[in-house]
All heavy atoms as atom14 arrays in JSON, in Angstrom:
{
  "sequence": "ERIDILNNKFATKGILEISDFDKINETGTFVNIEIPLKFKNQISLP",
  "atom14_mask": [
    [1, 1, 1, 1, 1, 1, 1, 1, 1, 0, 0, 0, 0, 0],
    [1, 1, 1, 1, 1, 1, 1, 1, 1, 1, 1, 0, 0, 0],
    [1, 1, 1, 1, 1, 1, 1, 1, 0, 0, 0, 0, 0, 0],
    [1, 1, 1, 1, 1, 1, 1, 1, 0, 0, 0, 0, 0, 0],
    [1, 1, 1, 1, 1, 1, 1, 1, 0, 0, 0, 0, 0, 0],
    [1, 1, 1, 1, 1, 1, 1, 1, 0, 0, 0, 0, 0, 0],
    [1, 1, 1, 1, 1, 1, 1, 1, 0, 0, 0, 0, 0, 0],
    [1, 1, 1, 1, 1, 1, 1, 1, 0, 0, 0, 0, 0, 0],
    [1, 1, 1, 1, 1, 1, 1, 1, 1, 0, 0, 0, 0, 0],
    [1, 1, 1, 1, 1, 1, 1, 1, 1, 1, 1, 0, 0, 0],
    [1, 1, 1, 1, 1, 0, 0, 0, 0, 0, 0, 0, 0, 0],
    [1, 1, 1, 1, 1, 1, 1, 0, 0, 0, 0, 0, 0, 0],
    [1, 1, 1, 1, 1, 1, 1, 1, 1, 0, 0, 0, 0, 0],
    [1, 1, 1, 1, 0, 0, 0, 0, 0, 0, 0, 0, 0, 0],
    [1, 1, 1, 1, 1, 1, 1, 1, 0, 0, 0, 0, 0, 0],
    [1, 1, 1, 1, 1, 1, 1, 1, 0, 0, 0, 0, 0, 0],
    [1, 1, 1, 1, 1, 1, 1, 1, 1, 0, 0, 0, 0, 0],
    [1, 1, 1, 1, 1, 1, 1, 1, 0, 0, 0, 0, 0, 0],
    [1, 1, 1, 1, 1, 1, 0, 0, 0, 0, 0, 0, 0, 0],
    [1, 1, 1, 1, 1, 1, 1, 1, 0, 0, 0, 0, 0, 0],
    [1, 1, 1, 1, 1, 1, 1, 1, 1, 1, 1, 0, 0, 0],
    [1, 1, 1, 1, 1, 1, 1, 1, 0, 0, 0, 0, 0, 0],
    [1, 1, 1, 1, 1, 1, 1, 1, 1, 0, 0, 0, 0, 0],
    [1, 1, 1, 1, 1, 1, 1, 1, 0, 0, 0, 0, 0, 0],
    [1, 1, 1, 1, 1, 1, 1, 1, 0, 0, 0, 0, 0, 0],
    [1, 1, 1, 1, 1, 1, 1, 1, 1, 0, 0, 0, 0, 0],
    [1, 1, 1, 1, 1, 1, 1, 0, 0, 0, 0, 0, 0, 0],
    [1, 1, 1, 1, 0, 0, 0, 0, 0, 0, 0, 0, 0, 0],
    [1, 1, 1, 1, 1, 1, 1, 0, 0, 0, 0, 0, 0, 0],
    [1, 1, 1, 1, 1, 1, 1, 1, 1, 1, 1, 0, 0, 0],
    [1, 1, 1, 1, 1, 1, 1, 0, 0, 0, 0, 0, 0, 0],
    [1, 1, 1, 1, 1, 1, 1, 1, 0, 0, 0, 0, 0, 0],
    [1, 1, 1, 1, 1, 1, 1, 1, 0, 0, 0, 0, 0, 0],
    [1, 1, 1, 1, 1, 1, 1, 1, 1, 0, 0, 0, 0, 0],
    [1, 1, 1, 1, 1, 1, 1, 1, 0, 0, 0, 0, 0, 0],
    [1, 1, 1, 1, 1, 1, 1, 0, 0, 0, 0, 0, 0, 0],
    [1, 1, 1, 1, 1, 1, 1, 1, 0, 0, 0, 0, 0, 0],
    [1, 1, 1, 1, 1, 1, 1, 1, 1, 0, 0, 0, 0, 0],
    [1, 1, 1, 1, 1, 1, 1, 1, 1, 1, 1, 0, 0, 0],
    [1, 1, 1, 1, 1, 1, 1, 1, 1, 0, 0, 0, 0, 0],
    [1, 1, 1, 1, 1, 1, 1, 1, 0, 0, 0, 0, 0, 0],
    [1, 1, 1, 1, 1, 1, 1, 1, 1, 0, 0, 0, 0, 0],
    [1, 1, 1, 1, 1, 1, 1, 1, 0, 0, 0, 0, 0, 0],
    [1, 1, 1, 1, 1, 1, 0, 0, 0, 0, 0, 0, 0, 0],
    [1, 1, 1, 1, 1, 1, 1, 1, 0, 0, 0, 0, 0, 0],
    [1, 1, 1, 1, 1, 1, 1, 0, 0, 0, 0, 0, 0, 0]
  ],
  "atom14_positions": [
    [[-9.55, 14.58, -2.78], [-8.58, 15.26, -1.9], [-7.89, 14.26, -0.97], [-6.68, 14.35, -0.75], [-9.28, 16.34, -1.08], [-9.67, 17.54, -1.9], [-10.5, 18.55, -1.12], [-10.65, 18.4, 0.11], [-11.01, 19.49, -1.74], [0.0, 0.0, 0.0], [0.0, 0.0, 0.0], [0.0, 0.0, 0.0], [0.0, 0.0, 0.0], [0.0, 0.0, 0.0]],
    [[-8.63, 13.32, -0.44], [-8.05, 12.32, 0.46], [-7.07, 11.41, -0.28], [-6.02, 11.05, 0.26], [-9.15, 11.51, 1.13], [-9.9, 12.33, 2.14], [-10.99, 11.55, 2.81], [-11.64, 12.37, 3.82], [-12.74, 12.05, 4.45], [-13.34, 10.91, 4.18], [-13.26, 12.86, 5.35], [0.0, 0.0, 0.0], [0.0, 0.0, 0.0], [0.0, 0.0, 0.0]],
    [[-7.38, 11.05, -1.5], [-6.46, 10.24, -2.3], [-5.18, 11.04, -2.58], [-4.08, 10.5, -2.5], [-7.12, 9.73, -3.59], [-8.18, 8.68, -3.23], [-6.09, 9.16, -4.56], [-9.04, 8.23, -4.39], [0.0, 0.0, 0.0], [0.0, 0.0, 0.0], [0.0, 0.0, 0.0], [0.0, 0.0, 0.0], [0.0, 0.0, 0.0], [0.0, 0.0, 0.0]],
    [[-5.32, 12.33, -2.86], [-4.14, 13.18, -3.08], [-3.28, 13.23, -1.82], [-2.04, 13.18, -1.9], [-4.56, 14.6, -3.47], [-5.12, 14.68, -4.88], [-4.88, 13.74, -5.67], [-5.8, 15.68, -5.18], [0.0, 0.0, 0.0], [0.0, 0.0, 0.0], [0.0, 0.0, 0.0], [0.0, 0.0, 0.0], [0.0, 0.0, 0.0], [0.0, 0.0, 0.0]],
    [[-3.91, 13.31, -0.65], [-3.16, 13.32, 0.61], [-2.4, 12.0, 0.78], [-1.22, 12.0, 1.15], [-4.1, 13.58, 1.8], [-4.61, 15.03, 1.76], [-3.41, 13.28, 3.13], [-5.77, 15.3, 2.7], [0.0, 0.0, 0.0], [0.0, 0.0, 0.0], [0.0, 0.0, 0.0], [0.0, 0.0, 0.0], [0.0, 0.0, 0.0], [0.0, 0.0, 0.0]],
    [[-3.07, 10.87, 0.52], [-2.4, 9.56, 0.61], [-1.24, 9.47, -0.37], [-0.18, 8.94, -0.03], [-3.4, 8.43, 0.36], [-4.45, 8.2, 1.44], [-5.5, 7.2, 0.95], [-3.81, 7.72, 2.72], [0.0, 0.0, 0.0], [0.0, 0.0, 0.0], [0.0, 0.0, 0.0], [0.0, 0.0, 0.0], [0.0, 0.0, 0.0], [0.0, 0.0, 0.0]],
    [[-1.44, 9.98, -1.58], [-0.36, 9.95, -2.59], [0.85, 10.73, -2.1], [1.99, 10.29, -2.26], [-0.86, 10.52, -3.92], [-1.74, 9.55, -4.66], [-1.7, 8.35, -4.44], [-2.57, 10.07, -5.54], [0.0, 0.0, 0.0], [0.0, 0.0, 0.0], [0.0, 0.0, 0.0], [0.0, 0.0, 0.0], [0.0, 0.0, 0.0], [0.0, 0.0, 0.0]],
    [[0.61, 11.89, -1.52], [1.72, 12.7, -1.01], [2.4, 12.04, 0.19], [3.62, 12.02, 0.29], [1.24, 14.1, -0.63], [0.9, 14.94, -1.84], [1.48, 14.76, -2.9], [-0.04, 15.83, -1.69], [0.0, 0.0, 0.0], [0.0, 0.0, 0.0], [0.0, 0.0, 0.0], [0.0, 0.0, 0.0], [0.0, 0.0, 0.0], [0.0, 0.0, 0.0]],
    [[1.6, 11.48, 1.08], [2.14, 10.87, 2.3], [2.96, 9.62, 2.0], [4.01, 9.4, 2.59], [1.01, 10.55, 3.26], [1.48, 9.99, 4.59], [0.34, 9.8, 5.55], [0.86, 9.28, 6.88], [-0.2, 9.15, 7.87], [0.0, 0.0, 0.0], [0.0, 0.0, 0.0], [0.0, 0.0, 0.0], [0.0, 0.0, 0.0], [0.0, 0.0, 0.0]],
    [[2.46, 8.77, 1.1], [3.1, 7.48, 0.86], [3.79, 7.38, -0.5], [4.23, 6.31, -0.9], [2.06, 6.35, 0.99], [1.46, 6.24, 2.35], [0.12, 6.58, 2.56], [2.21, 5.82, 3.43], [-0.44, 6.47, 3.82], [1.66, 5.71, 4.69], [0.33, 6.05, 4.9], [0.0, 0.0, 0.0], [0.0, 0.0, 0.0], [0.0, 0.0, 0.0]],
    [[3.9, 8.49, -1.21], [4.55, 8.52, -2.54], [3.96, 7.45, -3.45], [4.67, 6.65, -4.06], [6.05, 8.37, -2.41], [0.0, 0.0, 0.0], [0.0, 0.0, 0.0], [0.0, 0.0, 0.0], [0.0, 0.0, 0.0], [0.0, 0.0, 0.0], [0.0, 0.0, 0.0], [0.0, 0.0, 0.0], [0.0, 0.0, 0.0], [0.0, 0.0, 0.0]],
    [[2.63, 7.42, -3.52], [1.93, 6.44, -4.36], [1.2, 7.15, -5.49], [1.23, 8.38, -5.6], [0.92, 5.62, -3.52], [0.02, 6.52, -2.88], [1.62, 4.77, -2.5], [0.0, 0.0, 0.0], [0.0, 0.0, 0.0], [0.0, 0.0, 0.0], [0.0, 0.0, 0.0], [0.0, 0.0, 0.0], [0.0, 0.0, 0.0], [0.0, 0.0, 0.0]],
    [[0.53, 6.37, -6.3], [-0.21, 6.92, -7.44], [-1.66, 6.46, -7.38], [-2.18, 5.87, -8.33], [0.45, 6.5, -8.75], [1.83, 7.08, -8.93], [2.45, 6.69, -10.24], [3.84, 7.29, -10.36], [4.5, 6.91, -11.58], [0.0, 0.0, 0.0], [0.0, 0.0, 0.0], [0.0, 0.0, 0.0], [0.0, 0.0, 0.0], [0.0, 0.0, 0.0]],
    [[-2.31, 6.74, -6.26], [-3.73, 6.41, -6.13], [-4.57, 7.23, -7.08], [-4.18, 8.33, -7.49], [0.0, 0.0, 0.0], [0.0, 0.0, 0.0], [0.0, 0.0, 0.0], [0.0, 0.0, 0.0], [0.0, 0.0, 0.0], [0.0, 0.0, 0.0], [0.0, 0.0, 0.0], [0.0, 0.0, 0.0], [0.0, 0.0, 0.0], [0.0, 0.0, 0.0]],
    [[-5.72, 6.69, -7.45], [-6.58, 7.37, -8.43], [-8.06, 7.22, -8.06], [-8.45, 6.32, -7.32], [-6.37, 6.83, -9.86], [-6.66, 5.32, -9.91], [-5.0, 7.13, -10.38], [-6.72, 4.76, -11.32], [0.0, 0.0, 0.0], [0.0, 0.0, 0.0], [0.0, 0.0, 0.0], [0.0, 0.0, 0.0], [0.0, 0.0, 0.0], [0.0, 0.0, 0.0]],
    [[-8.84, 8.11, -8.62], [-10.3, 8.02, -8.6], [-10.76, 8.37, -10.0], [-10.53, 9.49, -10.47], [-10.9, 8.99, -7.58], [-12.42, 9.15, -7.62], [-13.11, 7.83, -7.29], [-12.87, 10.23, -6.66], [0.0, 0.0, 0.0], [0.0, 0.0, 0.0], [0.0, 0.0, 0.0], [0.0, 0.0, 0.0], [0.0, 0.0, 0.0], [0.0, 0.0, 0.0]],
    [[-11.36, 7.41, -10.68], [-11.83, 7.62, -12.05], [-13.31, 7.27, -12.12], [-13.72, 6.25, -11.57], [-11.07, 6.74, -13.04], [-9.58, 6.97, -13.07], [-8.83, 5.93, -13.89], [-9.22, 4.75, -13.88], [-7.85, 6.32, -14.53], [0.0, 0.0, 0.0], [0.0, 0.0, 0.0], [0.0, 0.0, 0.0], [0.0, 0.0, 0.0], [0.0, 0.0, 0.0]],
    [[-14.06, 8.1, -12.82], [-15.5, 7.85, -12.98], [-15.82, 7.91, -14.47], [-15.39, 8.83, -15.17], [-16.33, 8.91, -12.23], [-15.92, 8.94, -10.77], [-17.82, 8.63, -12.37], [-16.38, 10.15, -10.03], [0.0, 0.0, 0.0], [0.0, 0.0, 0.0], [0.0, 0.0, 0.0], [0.0, 0.0, 0.0], [0.0, 0.0, 0.0], [0.0, 0.0, 0.0]],
    [[-16.57, 6.92, -14.94], [-16.95, 6.9, -16.35], [-18.32, 6.23, -16.48], [-18.86, 5.7, -15.52], [-15.91, 6.15, -17.18], [-15.78, 4.82, -16.74], [0.0, 0.0, 0.0], [0.0, 0.0, 0.0], [0.0, 0.0, 0.0], [0.0, 0.0, 0.0], [0.0, 0.0, 0.0], [0.0, 0.0, 0.0], [0.0, 0.0, 0.0], [0.0, 0.0, 0.0]],
    [[-18.85, 6.27, -17.69], [-20.11, 5.57, -17.96], [-19.84, 4.07, -18.03], [-18.85, 3.64, -18.61], [-20.73, 6.03, -19.28], [-21.18, 7.48, -19.23], [-21.56, 7.95, -18.14], [-21.16, 8.14, -20.29], [0.0, 0.0, 0.0], [0.0, 0.0, 0.0], [0.0, 0.0, 0.0], [0.0, 0.0, 0.0], [0.0, 0.0, 0.0], [0.0, 0.0, 0.0]],
    [[-20.73, 3.28, -17.45], [-20.61, 1.83, -17.53], [-20.83, 1.39, -18.98], [-20.06, 0.62, -19.52], [-21.62, 1.17, -16.58], [-21.59, -0.33, -16.62], [-20.55, -1.03, -16.04], [-22.59, -1.04, -17.25], [-20.51, -2.42, -16.07], [-22.56, -2.43, -17.28], [-21.52, -3.11, -16.7], [0.0, 0.0, 0.0], [0.0, 0.0, 0.0], [0.0, 0.0, 0.0]],
    [[-21.89, 1.88, -19.6], [-22.17, 1.61, -21.01], [-21.87, 2.9, -21.76], [-22.67, 3.84, -21.76], [-23.64, 1.2, -21.18], [-24.02, 0.9, -22.62], [-23.35, 1.39, -23.55], [-25.02, 0.18, -22.82], [0.0, 0.0, 0.0], [0.0, 0.0, 0.0], [0.0, 0.0, 0.0], [0.0, 0.0, 0.0], [0.0, 0.0, 0.0], [0.0, 0.0, 0.0]],
    [[-20.71, 2.97, -22.38], [-20.26, 4.19, -23.02], [-21.1, 4.57, -24.25], [-21.28, 5.74, -24.55], [-18.79, 4.07, -23.39], [-17.88, 4.02, -22.16], [-16.44, 3.89, -22.53], [-15.47, 3.73, -21.41], [-15.9, 3.63, -20.08], [0.0, 0.0, 0.0], [0.0, 0.0, 0.0], [0.0, 0.0, 0.0], [0.0, 0.0, 0.0], [0.0, 0.0, 0.0]],
    [[-21.64, 3.6, -24.94], [-22.44, 3.87, -26.14], [-23.77, 4.52, -25.77], [-24.16, 5.54, -26.34], [-22.66, 2.58, -26.95], [-21.32, 2.07, -27.49], [-23.66, 2.81, -28.08], [-21.37, 0.69, -28.1], [0.0, 0.0, 0.0], [0.0, 0.0, 0.0], [0.0, 0.0, 0.0], [0.0, 0.0, 0.0], [0.0, 0.0, 0.0], [0.0, 0.0, 0.0]],
    [[-24.48, 3.95, -24.79], [-25.79, 4.47, -24.39], [-25.71, 5.49, -23.26], [-26.73, 6.03, -22.85], [-26.71, 3.32, -23.98], [-27.0, 2.4, -25.14], [-27.39, 2.85, -26.22], [-26.8, 1.11, -24.95], [0.0, 0.0, 0.0], [0.0, 0.0, 0.0], [0.0, 0.0, 0.0], [0.0, 0.0, 0.0], [0.0, 0.0, 0.0], [0.0, 0.0, 0.0]],
    [[-24.49, 5.74, -22.76], [-24.25, 6.67, -21.67], [-25.13, 6.35, -20.45], [-25.73, 7.24, -19.85], [-24.48, 8.12, -22.12], [-23.53, 8.56, -23.2], [-23.75, 9.99, -23.63], [-24.91, 10.44, -23.69], [-22.76, 10.66, -23.92], [0.0, 0.0, 0.0], [0.0, 0.0, 0.0], [0.0, 0.0, 0.0], [0.0, 0.0, 0.0], [0.0, 0.0, 0.0]],
    [[-25.18, 5.07, -20.11], [-25.94, 4.64, -18.94], [-25.02, 3.96, -17.94], [-23.92, 3.52, -18.27], [-27.07, 3.65, -19.33], [-26.49, 2.52, -20.0], [-28.1, 4.31, -20.23], [0.0, 0.0, 0.0], [0.0, 0.0, 0.0], [0.0, 0.0, 0.0], [0.0, 0.0, 0.0], [0.0, 0.0, 0.0], [0.0, 0.0, 0.0], [0.0, 0.0, 0.0]],
    [[-25.51, 3.89, -16.72], [-24.72, 3.26, -15.67], [-23.5, 4.08, -15.31], [-23.21, 5.1, -15.93], [0.0, 0.0, 0.0], [0.0, 0.0, 0.0], [0.0, 0.0, 0.0], [0.0, 0.0, 0.0], [0.0, 0.0, 0.0], [0.0, 0.0, 0.0], [0.0, 0.0, 0.0], [0.0, 0.0, 0.0], [0.0, 0.0, 0.0], [0.0, 0.0, 0.0]],
    [[-22.84, 3.65, -14.27], [-21.64, 4.34, -13.8], [-20.59, 3.32, -13.43], [-20.91, 2.27, -12.87], [-21.97, 5.22, -12.57], [-23.03, 6.11, -12.92], [-20.76, 6.03, -12.12], [0.0, 0.0, 0.0], [0.0, 0.0, 0.0], [0.0, 0.0, 0.0], [0.0, 0.0, 0.0], [0.0, 0.0, 0.0], [0.0, 0.0, 0.0], [0.0, 0.0, 0.0]],
    [[-19.34, 3.63, -13.73], [-18.21, 2.8, -13.35], [-17.24, 3.68, -12.58], [-16.85, 4.74, -13.05], [-17.52, 2.19, -14.57], [-16.32, 1.37, -14.23], [-16.48, 0.08, -13.75], [-15.05, 1.88, -14.36], [-15.37, -0.69, -13.41], [-13.94, 1.12, -14.03], [-14.11, -0.16, -13.56], [0.0, 0.0, 0.0], [0.0, 0.0, 0.0], [0.0, 0.0, 0.0]],
    [[-16.88, 3.25, -11.37], [-15.95, 3.99, -10.53], [-14.75, 3.1, -10.25], [-14.9, 1.95, -9.84], [-16.6, 4.43, -9.2], [-15.6, 5.18, -8.34], [-17.85, 5.26, -9.46], [0.0, 0.0, 0.0], [0.0, 0.0, 0.0], [0.0, 0.0, 0.0], [0.0, 0.0, 0.0], [0.0, 0.0, 0.0], [0.0, 0.0, 0.0], [0.0, 0.0, 0.0]],
    [[-13.56, 3.62, -10.48], [-12.32, 2.9, -10.21], [-11.53, 3.7, -9.18], [-11.23, 4.88, -9.41], [-11.5, 2.73, -11.49], [-10.25, 1.93, -11.26], [-10.27, 0.9, -10.61], [-9.14, 2.39, -11.79], [0.0, 0.0, 0.0], [0.0, 0.0, 0.0], [0.0, 0.0, 0.0], [0.0, 0.0, 0.0], [0.0, 0.0, 0.0], [0.0, 0.0, 0.0]],
    [[-11.23, 3.07, -8.05], [-10.47, 3.71, -6.98], [-9.26, 2.84, -6.69], [-9.39, 1.63, -6.54], [-11.32, 3.85, -5.69], [-12.6, 4.64, -5.97], [-10.5, 4.49, -4.58], [-13.59, 4.6, -4.83], [0.0, 0.0, 0.0], [0.0, 0.0, 0.0], [0.0, 0.0, 0.0], [0.0, 0.0, 0.0], [0.0, 0.0, 0.0], [0.0, 0.0, 0.0]],
    [[-8.1, 3.47, -6.63], [-6.88, 2.76, -6.24], [-6.21, 3.58, -5.14], [-5.94, 4.77, -5.34], [-5.95, 2.58, -7.43], [-6.56, 1.7, -8.51], [-5.67, 1.52, -9.72], [-4.44, 1.71, -9.59], [-6.2, 1.19, -10.79], [0.0, 0.0, 0.0], [0.0, 0.0, 0.0], [0.0, 0.0, 0.0], [0.0, 0.0, 0.0], [0.0, 0.0, 0.0]],
    [[-5.97, 2.93, -4.0], [-5.36, 3.61, -2.86], [-4.25, 2.74, -2.29], [-4.26, 1.51, -2.43], [-6.4, 3.93, -1.75], [-7.14, 2.66, -1.31], [-7.37, 4.99, -2.23], [-8.11, 2.87, -0.17], [0.0, 0.0, 0.0], [0.0, 0.0, 0.0], [0.0, 0.0, 0.0], [0.0, 0.0, 0.0], [0.0, 0.0, 0.0], [0.0, 0.0, 0.0]],
    [[-3.27, 3.37, -1.62], [-2.19, 2.59, -1.03], [-2.73, 1.69, 0.07], [-3.59, 2.1, 0.85], [-1.22, 3.63, -0.48], [-1.99, 4.89, -0.4], [-3.09, 4.8, -1.39], [0.0, 0.0, 0.0], [0.0, 0.0, 0.0], [0.0, 0.0, 0.0], [0.0, 0.0, 0.0], [0.0, 0.0, 0.0], [0.0, 0.0, 0.0], [0.0, 0.0, 0.0]],
    [[-2.24, 0.47, 0.1], [-2.66, -0.51, 1.1], [-1.61, -0.55, 2.2], [-0.46, -0.9, 1.96], [-2.81, -1.88, 0.45], [-3.32, -3.02, 1.31], [-4.72, -2.7, 1.85], [-3.38, -4.3, 0.5], [0.0, 0.0, 0.0], [0.0, 0.0, 0.0], [0.0, 0.0, 0.0], [0.0, 0.0, 0.0], [0.0, 0.0, 0.0], [0.0, 0.0, 0.0]],
    [[-2.0, -0.16, 3.39], [-1.09, -0.14, 4.53], [-1.75, -0.92, 5.67], [-2.96, -0.83, 5.87], [-0.8, 1.29, 5.0], [-0.07, 2.12, 4.0], [1.34, 1.69, 3.83], [2.09, 2.54, 2.83], [3.43, 2.1, 2.61], [0.0, 0.0, 0.0], [0.0, 0.0, 0.0], [0.0, 0.0, 0.0], [0.0, 0.0, 0.0], [0.0, 0.0, 0.0]],
    [[-0.96, -1.65, 6.4], [-1.45, -2.41, 7.54], [-0.95, -1.76, 8.82], [0.17, -1.22, 8.87], [-0.98, -3.87, 7.47], [-1.54, -4.59, 6.29], [-0.79, -4.73, 5.12], [-2.82, -5.12, 6.33], [-1.31, -5.39, 4.02], [-3.36, -5.78, 5.22], [-2.59, -5.92, 4.07], [0.0, 0.0, 0.0], [0.0, 0.0, 0.0], [0.0, 0.0, 0.0]],
    [[-1.74, -1.84, 9.86], [-1.35, -1.28, 11.15], [-0.07, -1.99, 11.62], [0.07, -3.19, 11.48], [-2.47, -1.5, 12.15], [-2.25, -0.78, 13.45], [-3.48, -0.9, 14.33], [-3.27, -0.09, 15.6], [-4.46, -0.09, 16.42], [0.0, 0.0, 0.0], [0.0, 0.0, 0.0], [0.0, 0.0, 0.0], [0.0, 0.0, 0.0], [0.0, 0.0, 0.0]],
    [[0.86, -1.21, 12.12], [2.15, -1.72, 12.61], [3.0, -2.33, 11.5], [3.86, -3.17, 11.78], [1.95, -2.72, 13.75], [1.23, -2.12, 14.93], [1.4, -0.94, 15.22], [0.4, -2.9, 15.57], [0.0, 0.0, 0.0], [0.0, 0.0, 0.0], [0.0, 0.0, 0.0], [0.0, 0.0, 0.0], [0.0, 0.0, 0.0], [0.0, 0.0, 0.0]],
    [[2.76, -1.94, 10.26], [3.55, -2.46, 9.14], [4.96, -1.87, 9.2], [5.15, -0.68, 9.41], [2.88, -2.08, 7.8], [3.62, -2.59, 6.6], [2.89, -2.25, 5.31], [1.84, -1.63, 5.33], [3.46, -2.65, 4.21], [0.0, 0.0, 0.0], [0.0, 0.0, 0.0], [0.0, 0.0, 0.0], [0.0, 0.0, 0.0], [0.0, 0.0, 0.0]],
    [[5.93, -2.73, 9.0], [7.33, -2.32, 9.0], [7.8, -2.27, 7.56], [7.65, -3.25, 6.81], [8.21, -3.29, 9.82], [7.74, -3.32, 11.27], [9.66, -2.91, 9.71], [8.41, -4.41, 12.1], [0.0, 0.0, 0.0], [0.0, 0.0, 0.0], [0.0, 0.0, 0.0], [0.0, 0.0, 0.0], [0.0, 0.0, 0.0], [0.0, 0.0, 0.0]],
    [[8.35, -1.15, 7.16], [8.88, -1.02, 5.8], [10.31, -1.53, 5.78], [11.12, -1.13, 6.6], [8.84, 0.44, 5.36], [7.51, 0.89, 5.31], [0.0, 0.0, 0.0], [0.0, 0.0, 0.0], [0.0, 0.0, 0.0], [0.0, 0.0, 0.0], [0.0, 0.0, 0.0], [0.0, 0.0, 0.0], [0.0, 0.0, 0.0], [0.0, 0.0, 0.0]],
    [[10.6, -2.41, 4.84], [11.95, -2.92, 4.68], [12.63, -2.18, 3.54], [12.0, -1.85, 2.55], [11.91, -4.42, 4.41], [11.27, -5.28, 5.52], [11.19, -6.72, 5.08], [12.07, -5.16, 6.81], [0.0, 0.0, 0.0], [0.0, 0.0, 0.0], [0.0, 0.0, 0.0], [0.0, 0.0, 0.0], [0.0, 0.0, 0.0], [0.0, 0.0, 0.0]],
    [[13.93, -1.98, 3.65], [14.66, -1.26, 2.58], [14.67, -2.03, 1.28], [14.48, -3.16, 1.17], [16.05, -1.07, 3.14], [16.16, -1.91, 4.34], [14.79, -2.36, 4.73], [0.0, 0.0, 0.0], [0.0, 0.0, 0.0], [0.0, 0.0, 0.0], [0.0, 0.0, 0.0], [0.0, 0.0, 0.0], [0.0, 0.0, 0.0], [0.0, 0.0, 0.0]]
  ]
}
């Protein structure tokens, strides 16, 4: 939900993906998170 809020606020395509680390044996976990990177007092240029 928080990633969806960031996507709407900053018009980005952040994601949260979860899968098995070892797909054959279905063991382990792999998590991929992508979120917009913003810095405090960042100025957007046209």
